[in-house]
């Protein structure tokens, strides 16, 4: 499966959009982020204070970067899912990383065909650095709604 435009819109909505690097809201520092939640190196250069990119580059990083998340989730998910469920899980994985997603209770529930249980697991990812983040809670509400739609 591949993410839909609806899934990309969800990621864009909650990641925000910045052409200038900004610090992680939970730590006030690393990982530095740019574009639509991009934290990996850009053209081999780590995201760091003062870094800027173009709007075209931000879109390119998102669309090209999402491919590895699609590939990872397509390998990890062993049961049928809807486009909405896939989009919601890609949004979550984009935010928490595929390693965290791969060991999550959400994935375990999903692969046991416990879709309702999987949906409830979105709320376990509303913290950053042991700190409750209202923005993450809002994102998880939206992801769960999409998952259940």
N, C-alpha and C. Protein backbone atom coordinates (compact mmCIF):
# COMPACT_ATOMS: atom_id res chain seq x y z
N UNK A 1 0.84 -1.18 0.00
CA UNK A 1 0.00 0.00 0.00
C UNK A 1 0.88 1.25 0.00
N UNK A 2 0.29 2.33 -0.41
CA UNK A 2 0.95 3.64 -0.41
C UNK A 2 0.05 4.63 0.31
N UNK A 3 0.65 5.63 0.92
CA UNK A 3 -0.12 6.66 1.60
C UNK A 3 -0.96 7.43 0.59
N UNK A 4 -2.13 7.86 1.01
CA UNK A 4 -3.01 8.65 0.15
C UNK A 4 -2.74 10.14 0.39
N UNK A 5 -3.36 10.95 -0.43
CA UNK A 5 -3.25 12.41 -0.23
C UNK A 5 -3.86 12.81 1.12
N UNK A 6 -4.91 12.09 1.55
CA UNK A 6 -5.51 12.36 2.86
C UNK A 6 -4.49 12.09 3.97
N UNK A 7 -3.73 11.02 3.84
CA UNK A 7 -2.70 10.69 4.83
C UNK A 7 -1.59 11.73 4.85
N UNK A 8 -1.17 12.16 3.67
CA UNK A 8 -0.14 13.20 3.59
C UNK A 8 -0.64 14.50 4.21
N UNK A 9 -1.91 14.82 3.99
CA UNK A 9 -2.49 16.04 4.56
C UNK A 9 -2.49 15.97 6.08
N UNK A 10 -2.76 14.80 6.63
CA UNK A 10 -2.75 14.64 8.08
C UNK A 10 -1.34 14.88 8.63
N UNK A 11 -0.35 14.30 8.00
CA UNK A 11 1.03 14.50 8.43
C UNK A 11 1.39 15.98 8.35
N UNK A 12 1.07 16.60 7.24
CA UNK A 12 1.38 18.03 7.07
C UNK A 12 0.71 18.88 8.14
N UNK A 13 -0.55 18.56 8.43
CA UNK A 13 -1.30 19.34 9.42
C UNK A 13 -0.63 19.32 10.79
N UNK A 14 -0.19 18.14 11.21
CA UNK A 14 0.35 18.03 12.56
C UNK A 14 1.86 18.27 12.64
N UNK A 15 2.57 18.00 11.59
CA UNK A 15 4.01 18.28 11.63
C UNK A 15 4.27 19.77 11.48
N UNK A 16 3.34 20.47 10.84
CA UNK A 16 3.60 21.87 10.56
C UNK A 16 4.57 21.98 9.38
N UNK A 17 5.00 23.18 9.13
CA UNK A 17 5.81 23.42 7.95
C UNK A 17 6.77 24.54 8.27
N UNK A 18 8.04 24.24 8.17
CA UNK A 18 9.03 25.27 8.45
C UNK A 18 10.20 25.12 7.50
N UNK A 19 10.52 26.21 6.83
CA UNK A 19 11.66 26.20 5.92
C UNK A 19 12.96 26.47 6.67
N UNK A 20 12.84 26.77 7.96
CA UNK A 20 14.01 27.01 8.80
C UNK A 20 14.01 25.96 9.92
N UNK A 21 15.18 25.39 10.19
CA UNK A 21 15.30 24.36 11.22
C UNK A 21 14.83 24.89 12.57
N UNK A 22 14.15 24.02 13.32
CA UNK A 22 13.67 24.39 14.65
C UNK A 22 13.93 23.23 15.62
N UNK A 23 14.05 23.55 16.91
CA UNK A 23 14.35 22.51 17.90
C UNK A 23 13.12 21.67 18.22
N UNK A 24 13.37 20.49 18.71
CA UNK A 24 12.30 19.60 19.17
C UNK A 24 11.53 20.30 20.29
N UNK A 25 10.19 20.30 20.22
CA UNK A 25 9.41 20.99 21.26
C UNK A 25 9.60 20.42 22.66
N UNK A 26 9.87 19.11 22.76
CA UNK A 26 10.02 18.49 24.08
C UNK A 26 11.38 18.77 24.70
N UNK A 27 12.44 18.80 23.88
CA UNK A 27 13.79 18.94 24.42
C UNK A 27 14.33 20.36 24.32
N UNK A 28 13.77 21.13 23.40
CA UNK A 28 14.32 22.46 23.15
C UNK A 28 15.62 22.40 22.35
N UNK A 29 15.95 21.22 21.86
CA UNK A 29 17.17 21.01 21.08
C UNK A 29 16.99 19.84 20.13
N UNK A 30 17.90 18.87 20.21
CA UNK A 30 17.86 17.72 19.31
C UNK A 30 16.61 16.88 19.56
N UNK A 31 16.06 16.25 18.55
CA UNK A 31 16.49 16.38 17.16
C UNK A 31 15.95 17.66 16.52
N UNK A 32 16.80 18.32 15.79
CA UNK A 32 16.38 19.50 15.03
C UNK A 32 15.55 19.03 13.85
N UNK A 33 14.57 19.82 13.48
CA UNK A 33 13.58 19.44 12.48
C UNK A 33 13.45 20.55 11.45
N UNK A 34 13.08 20.15 10.23
CA UNK A 34 12.87 21.11 9.14
C UNK A 34 11.79 20.57 8.21
N UNK A 35 11.20 21.42 7.41
CA UNK A 35 10.17 20.97 6.47
C UNK A 35 8.95 20.47 7.20
N UNK A 36 8.50 19.26 6.85
CA UNK A 36 7.33 18.62 7.47
C UNK A 36 7.79 17.54 8.43
N UNK A 37 8.48 17.93 9.47
CA UNK A 37 8.92 16.97 10.48
C UNK A 37 10.16 16.17 10.10
N UNK A 38 10.96 16.70 9.21
CA UNK A 38 12.14 15.99 8.73
C UNK A 38 13.30 16.17 9.71
N UNK A 39 13.89 15.04 10.16
CA UNK A 39 14.99 15.10 11.13
C UNK A 39 16.28 14.46 10.62
N UNK A 40 16.20 13.80 9.47
CA UNK A 40 17.39 13.15 8.91
C UNK A 40 18.23 14.16 8.13
N UNK A 41 19.49 13.83 7.84
CA UNK A 41 20.32 14.77 7.07
C UNK A 41 19.67 15.17 5.74
N UNK A 42 19.93 16.39 5.34
CA UNK A 42 19.48 16.94 4.06
C UNK A 42 20.71 17.11 3.20
N UNK A 43 20.75 16.38 2.08
CA UNK A 43 21.92 16.40 1.20
C UNK A 43 23.20 16.11 1.97
N UNK A 44 23.11 15.16 2.93
CA UNK A 44 24.27 14.74 3.70
C UNK A 44 24.61 15.63 4.89
N UNK A 45 23.86 16.70 5.08
CA UNK A 45 24.14 17.63 6.18
C UNK A 45 23.07 17.45 7.26
N UNK A 46 23.47 17.20 8.52
CA UNK A 46 22.48 17.06 9.59
C UNK A 46 21.64 18.33 9.74
N UNK A 47 20.37 18.15 10.08
CA UNK A 47 19.52 19.31 10.36
C UNK A 47 20.07 19.97 11.61
N UNK A 48 20.31 21.27 11.50
CA UNK A 48 20.96 22.00 12.59
C UNK A 48 20.46 23.44 12.62
N UNK A 49 20.69 24.13 13.74
CA UNK A 49 20.25 25.53 13.83
C UNK A 49 20.76 26.35 12.65
N UNK A 50 19.89 27.20 12.12
CA UNK A 50 20.26 28.08 11.02
C UNK A 50 20.05 27.49 9.63
N UNK A 51 19.82 26.17 9.55
CA UNK A 51 19.61 25.53 8.26
C UNK A 51 18.29 25.98 7.66
N UNK A 52 18.27 26.20 6.35
CA UNK A 52 17.04 26.54 5.64
C UNK A 52 16.93 25.67 4.39
N UNK A 53 15.69 25.48 3.93
CA UNK A 53 15.43 24.76 2.69
C UNK A 53 14.34 25.52 1.93
N UNK A 54 14.10 25.10 0.71
CA UNK A 54 13.03 25.70 -0.10
C UNK A 54 11.74 24.92 0.12
N UNK A 55 10.63 25.51 -0.29
CA UNK A 55 9.33 24.83 -0.23
C UNK A 55 9.35 23.56 -1.07
N UNK A 56 9.99 23.62 -2.23
CA UNK A 56 10.10 22.45 -3.10
C UNK A 56 10.84 21.33 -2.37
N UNK A 57 11.92 21.66 -1.68
CA UNK A 57 12.72 20.66 -0.97
C UNK A 57 11.91 20.05 0.18
N UNK A 58 11.14 20.86 0.88
CA UNK A 58 10.32 20.35 1.98
C UNK A 58 9.34 19.29 1.47
N UNK A 59 8.68 19.59 0.36
CA UNK A 59 7.73 18.65 -0.25
C UNK A 59 8.46 17.41 -0.74
N UNK A 60 9.61 17.59 -1.33
CA UNK A 60 10.41 16.47 -1.84
C UNK A 60 10.85 15.55 -0.69
N UNK A 61 11.30 16.12 0.41
CA UNK A 61 11.73 15.32 1.55
C UNK A 61 10.57 14.49 2.08
N UNK A 62 9.41 15.09 2.19
CA UNK A 62 8.24 14.36 2.68
C UNK A 62 7.86 13.23 1.73
N UNK A 63 7.69 13.55 0.46
CA UNK A 63 7.21 12.53 -0.49
C UNK A 63 8.24 11.42 -0.74
N UNK A 64 9.49 11.77 -0.79
CA UNK A 64 10.52 10.74 -0.98
C UNK A 64 10.76 9.97 0.32
N UNK A 65 10.75 10.68 1.43
CA UNK A 65 11.00 10.05 2.72
C UNK A 65 9.91 9.09 3.13
N UNK A 66 8.68 9.37 2.76
CA UNK A 66 7.55 8.55 3.17
C UNK A 66 7.64 7.14 2.57
N UNK A 67 8.35 7.00 1.47
CA UNK A 67 8.47 5.70 0.79
C UNK A 67 9.06 4.64 1.72
N UNK A 68 10.07 4.99 2.49
CA UNK A 68 10.67 4.01 3.39
C UNK A 68 9.70 3.60 4.50
N UNK A 69 8.82 4.51 4.90
CA UNK A 69 7.81 4.19 5.91
C UNK A 69 6.75 3.26 5.31
N UNK A 70 6.36 3.52 4.08
CA UNK A 70 5.41 2.64 3.40
C UNK A 70 6.00 1.23 3.29
N UNK A 71 7.25 1.14 2.88
CA UNK A 71 7.89 -0.17 2.73
C UNK A 71 7.97 -0.90 4.06
N UNK A 72 8.34 -0.19 5.11
CA UNK A 72 8.46 -0.81 6.43
C UNK A 72 7.10 -1.32 6.92
N UNK A 73 6.08 -0.48 6.83
CA UNK A 73 4.77 -0.90 7.32
C UNK A 73 4.18 -2.02 6.47
N UNK A 74 4.43 -2.00 5.18
CA UNK A 74 3.95 -3.09 4.33
C UNK A 74 4.57 -4.43 4.73
N UNK A 75 5.77 -4.41 5.27
CA UNK A 75 6.40 -5.65 5.75
C UNK A 75 5.89 -6.03 7.13
N UNK A 76 5.63 -5.04 7.97
CA UNK A 76 5.24 -5.30 9.35
C UNK A 76 3.78 -5.71 9.52
N UNK A 77 2.92 -5.16 8.69
CA UNK A 77 1.48 -5.43 8.80
C UNK A 77 1.16 -6.75 8.11
N UNK A 78 0.58 -7.68 8.85
CA UNK A 78 0.32 -9.03 8.35
C UNK A 78 -1.15 -9.31 8.09
N UNK A 79 -2.00 -8.30 8.29
CA UNK A 79 -3.46 -8.49 8.14
C UNK A 79 -3.99 -7.44 7.17
N UNK A 80 -5.18 -7.66 6.61
CA UNK A 80 -5.76 -6.64 5.72
C UNK A 80 -6.07 -5.35 6.49
N UNK A 81 -5.77 -4.22 5.87
CA UNK A 81 -6.12 -2.92 6.44
C UNK A 81 -6.72 -2.04 5.35
N UNK A 82 -7.51 -1.08 5.79
CA UNK A 82 -8.10 -0.14 4.86
C UNK A 82 -7.08 0.96 4.55
N UNK A 83 -7.38 1.75 3.53
CA UNK A 83 -6.50 2.89 3.22
C UNK A 83 -6.42 3.85 4.41
N UNK A 84 -7.55 4.09 5.05
CA UNK A 84 -7.58 5.01 6.20
C UNK A 84 -6.72 4.47 7.35
N UNK A 85 -6.81 3.18 7.60
CA UNK A 85 -5.98 2.58 8.66
C UNK A 85 -4.50 2.70 8.33
N UNK A 86 -4.16 2.43 7.09
CA UNK A 86 -2.77 2.52 6.66
C UNK A 86 -2.27 3.96 6.80
N UNK A 87 -3.07 4.91 6.35
CA UNK A 87 -2.68 6.33 6.45
C UNK A 87 -2.44 6.74 7.90
N UNK A 88 -3.34 6.32 8.80
CA UNK A 88 -3.20 6.67 10.21
C UNK A 88 -1.92 6.09 10.79
N UNK A 89 -1.61 4.86 10.42
CA UNK A 89 -0.40 4.23 10.94
C UNK A 89 0.87 4.83 10.34
N UNK A 90 0.82 5.24 9.09
CA UNK A 90 1.97 5.92 8.49
C UNK A 90 2.21 7.24 9.21
N UNK A 91 1.15 7.97 9.52
CA UNK A 91 1.29 9.23 10.25
C UNK A 91 1.95 8.99 11.60
N UNK A 92 1.49 7.96 12.30
CA UNK A 92 2.09 7.63 13.59
C UNK A 92 3.56 7.26 13.43
N UNK A 93 3.85 6.39 12.48
CA UNK A 93 5.23 5.95 12.27
C UNK A 93 6.14 7.11 11.86
N UNK A 94 5.63 8.03 11.05
CA UNK A 94 6.42 9.21 10.65
C UNK A 94 6.84 9.99 11.90
N UNK A 95 5.96 10.00 12.89
CA UNK A 95 6.21 10.77 14.11
C UNK A 95 7.08 10.03 15.12
N UNK A 96 6.87 8.72 15.27
CA UNK A 96 7.59 7.97 16.31
C UNK A 96 8.75 7.14 15.76
N UNK A 97 8.77 6.94 14.45
CA UNK A 97 9.82 6.12 13.83
C UNK A 97 9.36 4.70 13.62
N UNK A 98 9.92 4.06 12.62
CA UNK A 98 9.50 2.70 12.30
C UNK A 98 9.99 1.69 13.33
N UNK A 99 11.11 1.96 14.00
CA UNK A 99 11.60 1.03 15.02
C UNK A 99 10.60 0.97 16.18
N UNK A 100 10.17 2.13 16.66
CA UNK A 100 9.19 2.16 17.75
C UNK A 100 7.87 1.52 17.29
N UNK A 101 7.46 1.82 16.07
CA UNK A 101 6.22 1.24 15.56
C UNK A 101 6.33 -0.28 15.49
N UNK A 102 7.48 -0.78 15.08
CA UNK A 102 7.65 -2.23 14.88
C UNK A 102 7.52 -3.03 16.17
N UNK A 103 7.77 -2.41 17.31
CA UNK A 103 7.69 -3.10 18.59
C UNK A 103 6.46 -2.67 19.40
N UNK A 104 5.57 -1.92 18.79
CA UNK A 104 4.42 -1.36 19.50
C UNK A 104 3.32 -2.39 19.76
N UNK A 105 2.59 -2.15 20.83
CA UNK A 105 1.41 -2.95 21.13
C UNK A 105 0.36 -2.73 20.05
N UNK A 106 0.33 -1.53 19.48
CA UNK A 106 -0.61 -1.24 18.40
C UNK A 106 -0.42 -2.26 17.27
N UNK A 107 0.81 -2.47 16.85
CA UNK A 107 1.08 -3.42 15.77
C UNK A 107 0.74 -4.84 16.20
N UNK A 108 1.06 -5.19 17.44
CA UNK A 108 0.73 -6.54 17.93
C UNK A 108 -0.78 -6.77 17.89
N UNK A 109 -1.55 -5.79 18.39
CA UNK A 109 -3.02 -5.92 18.35
C UNK A 109 -3.51 -6.04 16.92
N UNK A 110 -3.00 -5.16 16.07
CA UNK A 110 -3.41 -5.17 14.67
C UNK A 110 -3.19 -6.53 14.04
N UNK A 111 -2.00 -7.07 14.20
CA UNK A 111 -1.66 -8.35 13.56
C UNK A 111 -2.40 -9.54 14.17
N UNK A 112 -3.09 -9.31 15.30
CA UNK A 112 -3.98 -10.32 15.88
C UNK A 112 -5.43 -10.05 15.44
N UNK A 113 -5.59 -9.13 14.49
CA UNK A 113 -6.89 -8.71 13.97
C UNK A 113 -7.76 -8.06 15.05
N UNK A 114 -7.12 -7.50 16.05
CA UNK A 114 -7.81 -6.77 17.10
C UNK A 114 -7.75 -5.29 16.70
N UNK A 115 -8.56 -4.91 15.75
CA UNK A 115 -8.52 -3.56 15.19
C UNK A 115 -8.93 -2.51 16.23
N UNK A 116 -9.93 -2.81 17.04
CA UNK A 116 -10.38 -1.88 18.08
C UNK A 116 -9.25 -1.68 19.11
N UNK A 117 -8.61 -2.76 19.50
CA UNK A 117 -7.50 -2.66 20.44
C UNK A 117 -6.35 -1.86 19.86
N UNK A 118 -6.08 -2.05 18.58
CA UNK A 118 -5.02 -1.29 17.90
C UNK A 118 -5.36 0.20 17.93
N UNK A 119 -6.62 0.52 17.66
CA UNK A 119 -7.04 1.93 17.64
C UNK A 119 -6.81 2.59 19.00
N UNK A 120 -7.07 1.85 20.07
CA UNK A 120 -6.90 2.41 21.42
C UNK A 120 -5.43 2.69 21.73
N UNK A 121 -4.53 2.04 21.05
CA UNK A 121 -3.10 2.20 21.32
C UNK A 121 -2.53 3.53 20.83
N UNK A 122 -3.22 4.23 19.96
CA UNK A 122 -2.70 5.52 19.48
C UNK A 122 -2.42 6.46 20.65
N UNK A 123 -3.25 6.39 21.70
CA UNK A 123 -3.12 7.32 22.81
C UNK A 123 -1.89 7.06 23.68
N UNK A 124 -1.24 5.93 23.51
CA UNK A 124 -0.02 5.66 24.27
C UNK A 124 1.18 6.41 23.71
N UNK A 125 0.99 7.13 22.64
CA UNK A 125 2.09 7.85 21.98
C UNK A 125 1.86 9.37 22.04
N UNK A 126 1.44 9.86 23.21
CA UNK A 126 1.16 11.29 23.35
C UNK A 126 2.20 12.00 24.24
N UNK A 127 3.36 11.38 24.40
CA UNK A 127 4.40 11.94 25.24
C UNK A 127 5.70 12.07 24.43
N UNK A 128 6.50 13.01 24.87
CA UNK A 128 7.85 13.17 24.29
C UNK A 128 8.78 13.45 25.46
N UNK A 129 9.81 12.63 25.59
CA UNK A 129 10.71 12.80 26.71
C UNK A 129 9.99 12.72 28.05
N UNK A 130 9.07 11.79 28.19
CA UNK A 130 8.26 11.59 29.40
C UNK A 130 7.37 12.77 29.74
N UNK A 131 7.17 13.67 28.79
CA UNK A 131 6.35 14.85 29.02
C UNK A 131 5.10 14.74 28.15
N UNK A 132 3.92 14.89 28.78
CA UNK A 132 2.67 14.89 28.02
C UNK A 132 2.67 16.10 27.09
N UNK A 133 2.34 15.86 25.82
CA UNK A 133 2.33 16.92 24.81
C UNK A 133 0.91 17.06 24.25
N UNK A 134 0.24 18.18 24.56
CA UNK A 134 -1.13 18.38 24.06
C UNK A 134 -1.22 18.27 22.53
N UNK A 135 -0.21 18.74 21.82
CA UNK A 135 -0.22 18.64 20.36
C UNK A 135 -0.19 17.19 19.89
N UNK A 136 0.58 16.35 20.59
CA UNK A 136 0.60 14.93 20.25
C UNK A 136 -0.74 14.27 20.56
N UNK A 137 -1.37 14.69 21.65
CA UNK A 137 -2.68 14.14 21.98
C UNK A 137 -3.68 14.47 20.87
N UNK A 138 -3.66 15.70 20.38
CA UNK A 138 -4.57 16.08 19.29
C UNK A 138 -4.28 15.27 18.03
N UNK A 139 -3.02 15.06 17.77
CA UNK A 139 -2.64 14.25 16.60
C UNK A 139 -3.16 12.83 16.75
N UNK A 140 -2.98 12.25 17.93
CA UNK A 140 -3.42 10.87 18.15
C UNK A 140 -4.94 10.74 18.03
N UNK A 141 -5.66 11.75 18.48
CA UNK A 141 -7.12 11.74 18.32
C UNK A 141 -7.47 11.70 16.83
N UNK A 142 -6.80 12.52 16.05
CA UNK A 142 -7.06 12.57 14.60
C UNK A 142 -6.66 11.25 13.93
N UNK A 143 -5.53 10.68 14.34
CA UNK A 143 -5.09 9.41 13.75
C UNK A 143 -6.06 8.29 14.10
N UNK A 144 -6.50 8.25 15.34
CA UNK A 144 -7.46 7.21 15.75
C UNK A 144 -8.77 7.37 14.97
N UNK A 145 -9.25 8.58 14.85
CA UNK A 145 -10.48 8.81 14.07
C UNK A 145 -10.33 8.31 12.64
N UNK A 146 -9.21 8.64 12.02
CA UNK A 146 -8.95 8.19 10.65
C UNK A 146 -8.89 6.66 10.61
N UNK A 147 -8.19 6.07 11.55
CA UNK A 147 -8.05 4.61 11.62
C UNK A 147 -9.41 3.93 11.69
N UNK A 148 -10.33 4.53 12.45
CA UNK A 148 -11.65 3.93 12.64
C UNK A 148 -12.67 4.31 11.58
N UNK A 149 -12.30 5.22 10.68
CA UNK A 149 -13.27 5.68 9.68
C UNK A 149 -13.51 4.68 8.57
